[in-house]
Protein backbone atom coordinates (compact mmCIF):
# COMPACT_ATOMS: atom_id res chain seq x y z
CA MET A 1 -3.82 19.76 8.98
CA LYS A 2 -4.01 23.25 7.56
CA THR A 3 -0.96 24.92 6.04
CA TYR A 4 -0.74 27.65 8.64
CA LYS A 5 -0.78 25.13 11.51
CA LYS A 6 2.06 23.17 9.75
CA VAL A 7 3.97 26.51 9.53
CA LEU A 8 3.35 27.27 13.25
CA TRP A 9 4.42 23.72 14.30
CA GLY A 10 7.54 24.00 12.07
CA ILE A 11 8.52 27.27 13.77
CA GLU A 12 8.01 25.85 17.19
CA ILE A 13 9.92 22.59 16.53
CA GLY A 14 12.71 24.56 14.71
CA VAL A 15 13.21 26.92 17.68
CA PHE A 16 13.11 24.04 20.19
CA ALA A 17 15.62 22.10 18.11
CA PHE A 18 17.92 25.17 17.86
CA PHE A 19 17.86 25.62 21.70
CA CYS A 20 18.40 21.91 22.28
CA ILE A 21 21.44 21.84 19.98
CA GLY A 22 22.80 25.06 21.56
CA VAL A 23 22.51 23.59 25.07
CA ILE A 24 24.16 20.34 23.96
CA LEU A 25 27.08 22.31 22.31
CA VAL A 26 27.56 24.45 25.44
CA ILE A 27 27.45 21.52 27.84
CA ARG A 28 29.91 19.51 25.66
CA GLY A 29 32.24 22.43 25.64
CA ILE A 30 32.18 22.88 21.89
CA ILE A 31 30.80 26.39 22.33
CA PRO A 32 32.53 28.19 25.32
CA ARG A 33 30.12 29.71 27.77
CA PHE A 34 31.70 33.17 27.58
CA ILE A 35 30.58 33.45 24.02
CA ILE A 36 26.94 32.91 24.95
CA LEU A 37 27.32 35.37 27.86
CA GLY A 38 28.91 37.96 25.59
CA MET A 39 26.09 37.61 23.08
CA LEU A 40 23.58 38.10 25.79
CA ALA A 41 25.41 41.20 27.09
CA ALA A 42 25.53 42.61 23.47
CA ILE A 43 21.84 42.04 23.08
CA GLU A 44 21.08 43.84 26.43
CA GLN A 45 22.87 46.93 25.39
CA ARG A 46 20.78 47.66 22.19
CA LEU A 47 17.10 48.63 22.78
CA ILE A 48 15.83 47.73 19.37
CA VAL A 49 17.35 44.15 19.56
CA ARG A 50 15.90 43.78 23.01
CA VAL A 51 12.49 44.69 21.82
CA ALA A 52 12.75 42.33 18.84
CA ILE A 53 13.91 39.44 20.95
CA LEU A 54 11.17 40.21 23.55
CA VAL A 55 8.57 40.17 20.71
CA ALA A 56 9.88 36.87 19.35
CA PHE A 57 9.86 35.20 22.75
CA VAL A 58 6.38 36.42 23.50
CA PHE A 59 5.32 35.03 20.17
CA LEU A 60 6.96 31.69 20.95
CA PHE A 61 5.38 31.70 24.39
CA VAL A 62 1.86 32.24 23.04
CA LEU A 63 2.45 29.79 20.27
CA ASN A 64 3.45 27.22 22.82
CA LEU A 65 0.34 27.77 24.73
CA CYS A 66 -2.05 27.82 21.67
CA LEU A 67 -0.85 24.83 19.59
CA PRO A 68 -2.43 22.14 21.84
CA PHE A 69 -5.77 23.94 21.53
CA LEU A 70 -5.44 24.28 17.80
CA ILE A 71 -4.91 20.51 17.51
CA LYS A 72 -7.75 19.64 19.90
CA THR A 73 -10.30 21.69 18.01
CA GLU A 74 -9.19 20.08 14.72
CA SER A 75 -9.78 16.57 16.05
CA ASP A 76 -13.03 17.46 17.57
CA GLY A 77 -14.41 18.67 14.18
CA GLY A 78 -14.18 15.30 12.51
CA ALA A 79 -14.06 14.46 8.92
CA VAL A 80 -17.11 14.32 6.80
CA ILE A 81 -18.34 12.37 3.79
CA PRO A 82 -19.97 14.67 1.15
CA LEU A 83 -23.08 13.31 -0.52
CA LYS A 84 -24.87 14.26 -3.71
CA ASN A 85 -28.31 15.85 -3.20
CA PRO A 86 -30.27 17.88 -5.82
CA LEU A 87 -31.53 20.25 -3.11
CA GLY A 88 -28.27 21.17 -1.56
CA GLU A 89 -24.92 20.06 -0.09
CA VAL A 90 -25.13 17.30 2.43
CA GLU A 91 -22.27 16.12 4.73
CA ILE A 92 -22.28 13.26 7.17
CA SER A 93 -19.61 12.85 9.74
CA GLN A 94 -17.46 9.85 9.63
CA LYS A 95 -18.06 9.31 13.39
CA ALA A 96 -21.87 9.11 12.68
CA ILE A 97 -21.34 6.69 9.92
CA CYS A 98 -19.05 4.42 12.02
CA GLY A 99 -21.60 4.42 14.88
CA PHE A 100 -24.27 3.49 12.38
CA ILE A 101 -22.18 0.58 11.13
CA GLN A 102 -21.47 -0.65 14.63
CA ARG A 103 -25.20 -0.56 15.52
CA ILE A 104 -26.24 -2.58 12.40
CA GLY A 105 -23.17 -5.00 12.87
CA LYS A 106 -24.23 -5.90 16.35
CA GLU A 107 -27.73 -6.87 14.98
CA ILE A 108 -26.16 -9.66 12.94
CA GLU A 109 -26.26 -13.05 14.65
CA GLY A 110 -22.81 -14.21 15.41
CA ILE A 111 -21.12 -10.89 15.89
CA GLU A 112 -20.46 -9.87 19.50
CA ASP A 113 -18.45 -6.72 19.22
CA ILE A 114 -17.65 -4.55 16.17
CA GLY A 115 -15.55 -1.49 15.53
CA ALA A 116 -15.68 0.47 12.34
CA LYS A 117 -13.51 2.98 10.50
CA ILE A 118 -14.13 4.57 7.15
CA LYS A 119 -11.70 6.29 4.82
CA PRO A 120 -12.91 8.33 1.87
CA SER A 121 -10.95 8.05 -1.27
CA GLU A 122 -11.18 9.43 -4.81
CA GLU A 123 -12.98 6.31 -6.10
CA GLY A 124 -15.38 5.96 -3.15
CA VAL A 125 -15.36 4.90 0.49
CA ASP A 126 -13.24 2.13 2.14
CA VAL A 127 -14.57 0.56 5.29
CA PHE A 128 -12.54 -1.21 7.87
CA LEU A 129 -14.25 -3.48 10.34
CA THR A 130 -12.77 -5.16 13.43
CA LEU A 131 -15.06 -7.64 15.05
CA SER A 132 -15.45 -10.52 17.51
CA ALA A 133 -17.25 -13.55 16.18
CA LYS A 134 -19.00 -16.45 17.84
CA ALA A 135 -17.28 -19.77 17.14
CA GLN A 136 -20.53 -21.71 16.43
CA GLY A 137 -21.20 -19.74 13.29
CA GLU A 138 -19.27 -20.20 10.15
CA VAL A 139 -16.70 -17.42 10.02
CA PRO A 140 -16.47 -17.02 6.29
CA ARG A 141 -20.35 -16.89 5.99
CA LEU A 142 -20.39 -14.38 8.78
CA ILE A 143 -17.85 -12.18 7.09
CA ASP A 144 -19.60 -12.32 3.73
CA GLU A 145 -22.88 -11.40 5.55
CA ILE A 146 -21.44 -8.40 7.43
CA GLN A 147 -19.84 -7.06 4.21
CA THR A 148 -23.13 -7.46 2.19
CA VAL A 149 -25.23 -5.85 5.05
CA VAL A 150 -22.76 -2.89 5.55
CA LYS A 151 -22.64 -2.26 1.87
CA ASN A 152 -26.41 -2.43 1.36
CA TYR A 153 -27.04 -0.11 4.38
CA LEU A 154 -24.51 2.45 3.28
CA ASN A 155 -25.94 2.45 -0.25
CA ASN A 156 -29.59 2.45 0.63
CA THR A 157 -29.92 4.08 3.99
CA ILE A 158 -27.21 6.73 4.07
CA GLY A 159 -26.79 7.15 0.27
CA ILE A 160 -23.06 6.45 -0.17
CA GLU A 161 -23.03 5.06 -3.74
CA ASN A 162 -19.37 3.96 -4.04
CA VAL A 163 -18.44 1.64 -1.28
CA ARG A 164 -15.20 0.57 -2.77
CA GLU A 165 -13.94 -2.01 -0.26
CA ILE A 166 -14.93 -3.48 3.08
CA LYS A 167 -12.02 -5.00 4.85
CA VAL A 168 -12.77 -7.28 7.88
CA ARG A 169 -10.44 -8.13 10.62
CA VAL A 170 -11.60 -10.87 13.07
CA ALA A 171 -9.88 -9.88 16.34
CA LYS A 172 -11.47 -12.73 18.52
CA ILE A 173 -13.33 -15.86 17.91
CA LEU A 174 -15.61 -16.60 20.93
């Protein structure tokens, strides 16, 4: 998440927490209600304070409406894997690579269903596979085969040179 989004979330959460604590203190009787009413009356009497508070609350209202859309657009963009190319910069989305891994994984005999996630790191790419395997096949052989096939396809077809680790989780044995 970008820094300005973190700051906006921090402001929103801080103001919300401040109001929640204030309401709890008033309800519990720790802060008498007449103090709150007196502060509101004092605010109402000064024009510059009223304008400042109005601007602050309009900002918070707009922020409250916009934050969900900021998060949604960030998750839609998706992360990418940069690749080396002598002619220019190339980026492949992680979603596209995961779909590719799922497609080639289903072609391997003995695998019924497969899910893939990838995580780029400094040293290379880590791949996490979750699959359902048929019981008549040897599961260790099947895991070795899927790891080898995925690594070879990522190296040769997509061009990812550093496939650091391929972790496999067998969720079901059919």
